[in-house]
Protein backbone atom coordinates (compact mmCIF):
# COMPACT_ATOMS: atom_id res chain seq x y z
CA UNK A 1 -4.16 72.50 88.98
CA UNK A 2 -6.12 74.90 86.81
CA UNK A 3 -8.79 73.37 84.92
CA UNK A 4 -9.26 74.22 81.30
CA UNK A 5 -13.11 73.92 81.35
CA UNK A 6 -15.43 72.15 83.52
CA UNK A 7 -14.12 69.02 85.39
CA UNK A 8 -15.70 66.75 87.85
CA UNK A 9 -15.62 67.80 91.32
CA UNK A 10 -14.62 64.48 92.71
CA UNK A 11 -11.46 64.79 90.79
CA UNK A 12 -10.24 67.88 92.43
CA UNK A 13 -8.75 66.31 95.71
CA UNK A 14 -7.34 63.29 93.81
CA UNK A 15 -5.32 65.71 91.45
CA UNK A 16 -4.23 68.02 94.42
CA UNK A 17 -2.83 64.83 96.23
CA UNK A 18 -0.84 63.81 93.13
CA UNK A 19 0.50 67.36 92.69
CA UNK A 20 1.51 67.57 96.12
CA UNK A 21 4.38 65.24 95.27
CA UNK A 22 5.17 66.68 91.90
CA UNK A 23 6.90 70.08 92.58
CA UNK A 24 8.20 69.79 88.76
CA UNK A 25 4.61 69.68 87.43
CA UNK A 26 3.60 72.55 89.42
CA UNK A 27 6.46 74.86 88.63
CA UNK A 28 5.14 74.55 85.06
CA UNK A 29 1.73 75.56 85.58
CA UNK A 30 -0.56 72.73 84.65
CA UNK A 31 -3.76 72.82 83.18
CA UNK A 32 -6.27 69.73 82.57
CA UNK A 33 -8.89 68.59 80.52
CA UNK A 34 -10.90 65.44 80.37
CA UNK A 35 -9.10 63.28 77.44
CA UNK A 36 -11.53 60.28 77.59
CA UNK A 37 -15.01 60.18 78.84
CA UNK A 38 -15.96 57.06 80.79
CA UNK A 39 -18.01 54.54 78.72
CA UNK A 40 -19.00 51.07 79.11
CA UNK A 41 -21.55 50.48 76.25
CA UNK A 42 -21.21 49.71 73.16
CA UNK A 43 -17.42 49.34 74.38
CA UNK A 44 -15.82 49.93 77.46
CA UNK A 45 -13.10 52.75 78.09
CA UNK A 46 -11.83 54.83 80.74
CA UNK A 47 -13.85 53.05 83.43
CA UNK A 48 -10.88 51.93 85.69
CA UNK A 49 -9.30 55.31 85.61
CA UNK A 50 -10.21 59.02 85.08
CA UNK A 51 -8.37 59.93 81.94
CA UNK A 52 -6.95 63.44 81.84
CA UNK A 53 -4.76 65.30 79.43
CA UNK A 54 -2.30 67.53 81.37
CA UNK A 55 -0.69 70.25 79.45
CA UNK A 56 1.87 72.70 80.77
CA UNK A 57 3.22 76.29 79.90
CA UNK A 58 6.69 74.58 79.07
CA UNK A 59 7.23 71.06 77.85
CA UNK A 60 5.12 68.27 76.40
CA UNK A 61 1.78 67.38 77.60
CA UNK A 62 0.97 63.96 79.55
CA UNK A 63 -1.79 61.61 79.35
CA UNK A 64 -2.73 61.02 83.08
CA UNK A 65 -4.69 57.92 84.34
CA UNK A 66 -6.08 58.26 87.96
CA UNK A 67 -7.18 55.01 89.02
CA UNK A 68 -10.64 54.49 90.66
CA UNK A 69 -10.70 52.69 94.05
CA UNK A 70 -13.68 50.84 92.99
CA UNK A 71 -11.81 49.09 90.15
CA UNK A 72 -8.79 48.11 92.15
CA UNK A 73 -8.91 44.50 91.03
CA UNK A 74 -9.14 45.53 87.37
CA UNK A 75 -5.53 46.92 87.23
CA UNK A 76 -2.84 44.41 87.94
CA UNK A 77 0.03 45.32 90.05
CA UNK A 78 2.36 45.01 87.14
CA UNK A 79 0.42 47.11 84.87
CA UNK A 80 2.96 49.91 84.87
CA UNK A 81 5.96 47.42 84.33
CA UNK A 82 4.12 46.05 81.46
CA UNK A 83 3.51 49.68 79.84
CA UNK A 84 7.22 50.44 80.19
CA UNK A 85 8.08 47.28 78.40
CA UNK A 86 5.87 48.14 75.57
CA UNK A 87 7.44 51.63 75.58
CA UNK A 88 10.87 50.20 75.45
CA UNK A 89 9.71 47.96 72.62
CA UNK A 90 8.35 51.15 70.63
CA UNK A 91 4.78 49.95 70.59
CA UNK A 92 3.43 51.90 73.62
CA UNK A 93 3.76 55.51 74.74
CA UNK A 94 6.48 56.41 77.18
CA UNK A 95 5.65 56.10 80.84
CA UNK A 96 6.59 59.25 82.80
CA UNK A 97 5.47 58.70 86.18
CA UNK A 98 3.63 55.83 88.17
CA UNK A 99 2.53 55.23 91.70
CA UNK A 100 -0.26 53.28 93.30
CA UNK A 101 -3.01 55.60 92.36
CA UNK A 102 -1.79 57.17 88.98
CA UNK A 103 -0.09 56.42 85.78
CA UNK A 104 1.19 59.25 83.44
CA UNK A 105 2.17 58.56 79.86
CA UNK A 106 3.53 60.56 76.96
CA UNK A 107 0.57 62.04 75.27
CA UNK A 108 -0.36 61.17 71.77
CA UNK A 109 -1.99 64.20 70.33
CA UNK A 110 -3.92 64.49 67.02
CA UNK A 111 -3.64 63.15 64.44
CA UNK A 112 -3.39 60.16 66.73
CA UNK A 113 -6.77 58.67 67.43
CA UNK A 114 -8.35 55.47 69.09
CA UNK A 115 -9.04 52.81 66.46
CA UNK A 116 -12.65 51.73 66.15
CA UNK A 117 -13.73 48.09 65.29
CA UNK A 118 -14.29 49.19 61.54
CA UNK A 119 -10.66 50.29 61.33
CA UNK A 120 -9.52 47.00 62.50
CA UNK A 121 -11.58 45.25 59.73
CA UNK A 122 -9.01 46.59 57.27
CA UNK A 123 -6.58 43.61 56.84
CA UNK A 124 -3.71 45.70 56.62
CA UNK A 125 -4.21 47.64 60.06
CA UNK A 126 -5.11 44.31 61.78
CA UNK A 127 -1.92 42.72 60.52
CA UNK A 128 -0.10 45.62 61.93
CA UNK A 129 -1.74 45.26 65.30
CA UNK A 130 -1.06 41.49 65.29
CA UNK A 131 2.71 42.08 64.60
CA UNK A 132 2.75 44.63 67.42
CA UNK A 133 1.28 42.02 69.83
CA UNK A 134 3.66 39.38 68.32
CA UNK A 135 6.56 41.79 69.40
CA UNK A 136 5.27 41.87 72.90
CA UNK A 137 5.19 37.87 72.82
CA UNK A 138 8.69 37.68 71.38
CA UNK A 139 10.05 39.78 74.23
CA UNK A 140 10.27 37.18 76.83
CA UNK A 141 7.85 36.73 79.97
CA UNK A 142 7.04 39.44 82.22
CA UNK A 143 7.27 37.65 85.27
CA UNK A 144 3.85 38.16 86.43
CA UNK A 145 0.82 35.87 85.40
CA UNK A 146 -2.47 36.76 84.07
CA UNK A 147 -4.96 33.91 83.64
CA UNK A 148 -8.32 34.43 82.12
CA UNK A 149 -9.97 31.50 83.66
CA UNK A 150 -8.83 32.68 87.25
CA UNK A 151 -10.21 36.02 86.47
CA UNK A 152 -13.63 34.57 85.49
CA UNK A 153 -13.47 32.42 88.47
CA UNK A 154 -12.81 35.60 90.74
CA UNK A 155 -15.31 37.61 88.94
CA UNK A 156 -18.08 34.78 89.41
CA UNK A 157 -17.47 34.31 93.07
CA UNK A 158 -17.59 38.41 93.42
CA UNK A 159 -20.99 38.30 91.35
CA UNK A 160 -22.62 35.74 93.64
CA UNK A 161 -21.25 37.52 96.86
CA UNK A 162 -22.50 40.82 95.58
CA UNK A 163 -25.97 39.32 94.33
CA UNK A 164 -25.38 40.58 90.90
CA UNK A 165 -28.27 39.55 88.60
CA UNK A 166 -26.62 37.23 86.42
CA UNK A 167 -28.54 36.37 82.98
CA UNK A 168 -30.10 32.93 82.58
CA UNK A 169 -27.55 30.58 81.38
CA UNK A 170 -24.68 32.02 83.00
CA UNK A 171 -23.91 28.91 84.92
CA UNK A 172 -23.84 26.89 81.83
CA UNK A 173 -21.46 29.39 80.40
CA UNK A 174 -19.23 28.92 83.26
CA UNK A 175 -19.22 25.13 83.02
CA UNK A 176 -18.35 25.27 79.38
CA UNK A 177 -15.52 27.72 80.17
CA UNK A 178 -14.11 25.23 82.48
CA UNK A 179 -14.05 22.66 79.74
CA UNK A 180 -12.23 24.96 77.59
CA UNK A 181 -9.73 25.53 80.55
CA UNK A 182 -9.11 21.83 80.83
CA UNK A 183 -8.69 21.26 77.26
CA UNK A 184 -6.26 24.26 76.94
CA UNK A 185 -4.11 23.22 79.86
CA UNK A 186 -4.08 19.47 78.60
CA UNK A 187 -2.91 20.63 75.24
CA UNK A 188 -0.27 22.89 77.00
CA UNK A 189 1.08 26.30 75.86
CA UNK A 190 4.01 28.50 76.54
CA UNK A 191 3.68 31.70 78.63
CA UNK A 192 4.67 34.93 76.94
CA UNK A 193 4.08 38.68 77.69
CA UNK A 194 0.58 39.46 76.58
CA UNK A 195 -1.52 42.58 76.31
CA UNK A 196 -4.70 40.56 77.10
CA UNK A 197 -7.04 43.14 75.95
CA UNK A 198 -8.51 43.12 72.51
CA UNK A 199 -10.56 46.21 72.73
CA UNK A 200 -10.13 48.33 69.52
CA UNK A 201 -9.79 51.65 71.54
CA UNK A 202 -6.73 50.09 72.91
CA UNK A 203 -5.02 50.68 69.66
CA UNK A 204 -3.99 54.25 68.94
CA UNK A 205 -3.33 54.77 65.19
CA UNK A 206 -2.16 57.86 63.27
CA UNK A 207 -3.21 58.19 59.82
CA UNK A 208 -0.72 57.78 56.94
CA UNK A 209 -2.34 60.80 54.85
CA UNK A 210 -2.14 62.89 57.67
CA UNK A 211 1.28 62.23 59.00
CA UNK A 212 3.17 61.03 56.10
CA UNK A 213 3.69 57.48 57.73
CA UNK A 214 1.28 54.97 59.23
CA UNK A 215 1.85 54.11 62.81
CA UNK A 216 0.12 52.79 65.86
CA UNK A 217 0.74 52.24 69.47
CA UNK A 218 -0.69 49.70 71.96
CA UNK A 219 -2.31 51.51 75.25
CA UNK A 220 -4.06 50.22 78.53
CA UNK A 221 -1.86 47.66 80.04
CA UNK A 222 -4.06 47.24 83.06
CA UNK A 223 -4.58 43.35 82.53
CA UNK A 224 -1.00 42.72 80.86
CA UNK A 225 1.00 39.69 81.90
CA UNK A 226 1.99 36.31 81.06
CA UNK A 227 -0.17 34.15 79.42
CA UNK A 228 -0.74 31.96 76.22
CA UNK A 229 -0.21 34.53 73.33
CA UNK A 230 -2.98 32.85 71.35
CA UNK A 231 -5.38 34.40 73.78
CA UNK A 232 -4.21 37.85 72.66
CA UNK A 233 -4.79 36.75 69.11
CA UNK A 234 -8.14 35.18 69.87
CA UNK A 235 -9.46 38.23 71.88
CA UNK A 236 -8.41 40.69 69.07
CA UNK A 237 -10.04 38.59 66.51
CA UNK A 238 -13.20 38.27 68.42
CA UNK A 239 -13.28 42.17 68.31
CA UNK A 240 -12.38 42.73 64.89
CA UNK A 241 -13.57 39.66 62.74
CA UNK A 242 -16.94 39.10 61.60
CA UNK A 243 -16.50 36.05 59.29
CA UNK A 244 -14.23 32.97 59.08
CA UNK A 245 -12.25 33.89 56.29
CA UNK A 246 -11.23 37.12 58.02
CA UNK A 247 -10.15 35.15 61.01
CA UNK A 248 -8.16 32.48 58.98
CA UNK A 249 -6.28 35.23 57.18
CA UNK A 250 -5.35 37.03 60.45
CA UNK A 251 -4.22 33.82 62.15
CA UNK A 252 -1.99 32.91 58.86
CA UNK A 253 -0.53 36.50 59.12
CA UNK A 254 0.56 35.75 62.72
CA UNK A 255 1.54 32.20 62.54
CA UNK A 256 2.31 31.72 58.73
CA UNK A 257 -0.38 29.17 58.40
CA UNK A 258 -3.83 28.55 59.87
CA UNK A 259 -3.95 24.88 60.95
CA UNK A 260 -7.55 23.93 62.60
CA UNK A 261 -6.36 23.54 66.21
CA UNK A 262 -5.17 27.19 66.13
CA UNK A 263 -8.48 28.47 64.51
CA UNK A 264 -10.46 26.55 67.24
CA UNK A 265 -8.02 27.93 70.09
CA UNK A 266 -8.67 31.37 68.73
CA UNK A 267 -12.41 30.80 68.65
CA UNK A 268 -12.73 29.31 71.95
CA UNK A 269 -10.30 32.02 73.67
CA UNK A 270 -12.61 34.71 72.14
CA UNK A 271 -15.63 33.38 73.95
CA UNK A 272 -13.44 33.01 77.12
CA UNK A 273 -12.91 36.81 76.71
CA UNK A 274 -16.62 37.34 76.18
CA UNK A 275 -17.27 35.55 79.31
CA UNK A 276 -14.53 37.34 81.52
CA UNK A 277 -15.66 40.87 80.21
CA UNK A 278 -19.61 39.83 80.46
CA UNK A 279 -19.02 38.99 84.26
CA UNK A 280 -17.02 42.23 84.60
CA UNK A 281 -19.71 44.33 83.36
CA UNK A 282 -22.58 42.68 85.30
CA UNK A 283 -20.58 42.80 88.70
CA UNK A 284 -19.38 46.47 88.11
CA UNK A 285 -23.09 47.46 87.65
CA UNK A 286 -23.78 46.45 91.17
CA UNK A 287 -20.37 47.21 92.92
CA UNK A 288 -19.33 50.45 91.33
CA UNK A 289 -20.54 53.66 93.02
CA UNK A 290 -20.50 55.53 89.87
CA UNK A 291 -23.86 55.59 88.08
CA UNK A 292 -24.67 56.61 84.50
CA UNK A 293 -22.03 54.08 83.07
CA UNK A 294 -23.80 51.06 81.17
CA UNK A 295 -21.82 48.36 82.89
CA UNK A 296 -24.87 46.06 82.95
CA UNK A 297 -25.78 46.42 79.33
CA UNK A 298 -22.40 45.71 78.19
CA UNK A 299 -22.01 42.88 80.36
CA UNK A 300 -25.01 41.21 79.24
CA UNK A 301 -24.04 41.65 75.46
CA UNK A 302 -20.88 40.06 76.03
CA UNK A 303 -22.39 36.97 77.65
CA UNK A 304 -24.76 36.67 74.73
CA UNK A 305 -21.94 36.81 72.17
CA UNK A 306 -20.13 34.22 74.21
CA UNK A 307 -23.51 32.12 74.24
CA UNK A 308 -23.48 32.13 70.61
CA UNK A 309 -19.77 31.03 70.14
CA UNK A 310 -19.88 28.41 72.81
CA UNK A 311 -23.37 27.22 71.31
CA UNK A 312 -22.09 26.72 67.81
CA UNK A 313 -22.11 23.34 66.36
CA UNK A 314 -18.40 23.32 65.73
CA UNK A 315 -17.65 24.02 69.33
CA UNK A 316 -17.01 20.30 70.35
CA UNK A 317 -14.62 20.01 67.33
CA UNK A 318 -12.64 22.85 68.56
CA UNK A 319 -12.40 21.47 72.08
CA UNK A 320 -11.34 17.99 70.64
CA UNK A 321 -8.68 19.43 68.43
CA UNK A 322 -6.93 21.53 70.83
């Protein structure tokens, strides 16, 4: 593949291996550019895969994700199936190709762009993202489970085995997360197909003034699977909302009203999401061979945010009302 501009040398054999089985791509004379630079702080993106934009002399461009071996547990086996389901529902880009090492999607060129947290603080846009996630939830189970509590337990075990420098108070956070797990399971929930990722950059938006019609797509289904749909809502609101009235308005948009037990569930799930990604950042700072990505900074910030939520005086009431 011809590189349009500089590209990391480590990519060359991985791209060559992919092209070896794609005569149809080679015949169209592909060229690549880095589509998204890897970043872990202040948000995380392009850390589990190298993300390339592949253009051709003929035909539409592709967005190609080449998965990193050191992130194998960060991409679930059903990720491709989940991305196809989202595409079929009209809320994700089309899946063009998938194997164990790569996922190719229809490219979303400008004026499409990644959403930022500030974008999601617009109630109209946040409502449309909630509507898109609700369409996922209403589409029926995927048949493959995702449990944030199991992921936390696995990451905590990985952290201990790797000797990762966990911040003071992490064990207490884990104990509180166990209480949340017990309370949620006692209250019960129905499984639905969930995105399981509330990061703003996993929402692609196309501005109305640029294209004549506002639009959005959900991307990055690496952790998608069957889960409590309120985890999806709670993780998204944890990313987007600064104040209680914003959270309540968003819950009312999704559910039609905002009873206290749903408000509390969303706040608790937001903290669970923080603990999950906080542990991920601290562990990957030790286990990833790639340097220069601020995994540890991101992880400790997310754990601090979790401590703030779970240390709130209302936390016990949230647990009791579930």
